[in-house]
């Protein structure tokens, strides 16, 4: 359930059913996974910096990793971090 659903349930519990309850801050735990590759996205930055014209571009894609890739050791070009919620950031 989303935050709005939980807020409505909380309000009904307290107002409609007159429950005497102490309710803390609502927290929603989100877990998302990339299932399919995204299309390539390119942004071009073209602006003047210190009186000179500067241009740069960046292309990014997002795709799921194979489980075998996650188990291999990090190469020189990539690093893997274990996040506090047990997810991996590579």
Protein backbone atom coordinates (compact mmCIF):
# COMPACT_ATOMS: atom_id res chain seq x y z
CA UNK A 1 0.00 0.00 0.00
CA UNK A 2 1.14 3.53 -0.65
CA UNK A 3 1.47 6.36 1.82
CA UNK A 4 -1.96 7.83 0.99
CA UNK A 5 -3.65 4.46 1.65
CA UNK A 6 -1.94 4.20 5.02
CA UNK A 7 -2.86 7.79 5.94
CA UNK A 8 -6.52 7.09 5.17
CA UNK A 9 -6.45 3.86 7.19
CA UNK A 10 -4.81 5.71 10.10
CA UNK A 11 -7.41 8.51 9.98
CA UNK A 12 -10.29 6.01 9.88
CA UNK A 13 -8.82 4.07 12.78
CA UNK A 14 -8.59 7.17 14.94
CA UNK A 15 -11.63 9.18 13.78
CA UNK A 16 -14.23 6.60 12.71
CA UNK A 17 -13.44 3.81 15.16
CA UNK A 18 -12.28 6.13 17.99
CA UNK A 19 -9.23 3.97 18.63
CA UNK A 20 -6.81 5.36 21.16
CA UNK A 21 -3.56 4.58 19.42
CA UNK A 22 -0.14 6.13 19.21
CA UNK A 23 0.94 6.07 15.59
CA UNK A 24 4.43 6.98 14.49
CA UNK A 25 5.59 8.48 11.24
CA UNK A 26 4.47 6.53 8.17
CA UNK A 27 7.41 4.98 6.33
CA UNK A 28 7.15 3.17 3.02
CA UNK A 29 9.90 0.78 2.00
CA UNK A 30 10.44 0.79 -1.75
CA UNK A 31 12.27 -1.93 -3.61
CA UNK A 32 12.65 -1.51 -7.31
CA UNK A 33 14.42 -3.61 -9.87
CA UNK A 34 15.37 -2.96 -13.46
CA UNK A 35 13.76 -5.69 -15.54
CA UNK A 36 14.42 -4.55 -19.12
CA UNK A 37 17.08 -2.31 -20.68
CA UNK A 38 16.21 1.33 -21.22
CA UNK A 39 16.72 3.11 -24.53
CA UNK A 40 19.89 5.15 -24.86
CA UNK A 41 19.54 8.77 -23.73
CA UNK A 42 21.94 11.50 -24.91
CA UNK A 43 22.16 15.04 -23.58
CA UNK A 44 24.30 17.74 -25.22
CA UNK A 45 25.46 20.71 -23.15
CA UNK A 46 26.45 23.70 -25.25
CA UNK A 47 27.11 26.91 -23.35
CA UNK A 48 29.53 29.74 -22.85
CA UNK A 49 31.96 29.43 -19.95
CA UNK A 50 34.41 32.22 -19.10
CA UNK A 51 33.85 33.85 -22.48
CA UNK A 52 34.53 30.69 -24.50
CA UNK A 53 32.05 28.34 -26.08
CA UNK A 54 32.10 24.90 -24.41
CA UNK A 55 30.35 21.75 -25.54
CA UNK A 56 29.99 18.34 -23.91
CA UNK A 57 27.69 15.39 -24.31
CA UNK A 58 26.75 12.41 -22.19
CA UNK A 59 25.03 9.17 -23.20
CA UNK A 60 23.54 6.80 -20.61
CA UNK A 61 21.64 3.53 -20.60
CA UNK A 62 20.31 1.44 -17.74
CA UNK A 63 20.04 -2.33 -17.92
CA UNK A 64 19.78 -5.24 -15.48
CA UNK A 65 22.96 -7.11 -14.60
CA UNK A 66 23.35 -10.84 -14.86
CA UNK A 67 23.73 -12.58 -11.49
CA UNK A 68 27.10 -14.00 -12.62
CA UNK A 69 28.39 -10.45 -13.15
CA UNK A 70 27.52 -9.49 -9.57
CA UNK A 71 29.42 -12.48 -8.20
CA UNK A 72 32.61 -11.67 -10.12
CA UNK A 73 35.29 -9.43 -8.68
CA UNK A 74 35.29 -5.72 -9.47
CA UNK A 75 37.38 -4.69 -12.46
CA UNK A 76 39.42 -1.52 -12.78
CA UNK A 77 36.45 0.25 -14.42
CA UNK A 78 33.74 -0.69 -11.93
CA UNK A 79 33.25 -0.79 -8.19
CA UNK A 80 30.54 -2.50 -6.17
CA UNK A 81 29.14 -1.09 -2.93
CA UNK A 82 26.80 -2.91 -0.57
CA UNK A 83 24.16 -0.40 0.55
CA UNK A 84 22.59 -0.24 4.00
CA UNK A 85 19.39 -1.91 2.72
CA UNK A 86 21.39 -4.92 1.38
CA UNK A 87 21.18 -3.74 -2.25
CA UNK A 88 24.29 -3.53 -4.44
CA UNK A 89 25.34 -0.44 -6.34
CA UNK A 90 27.78 -1.25 -9.18
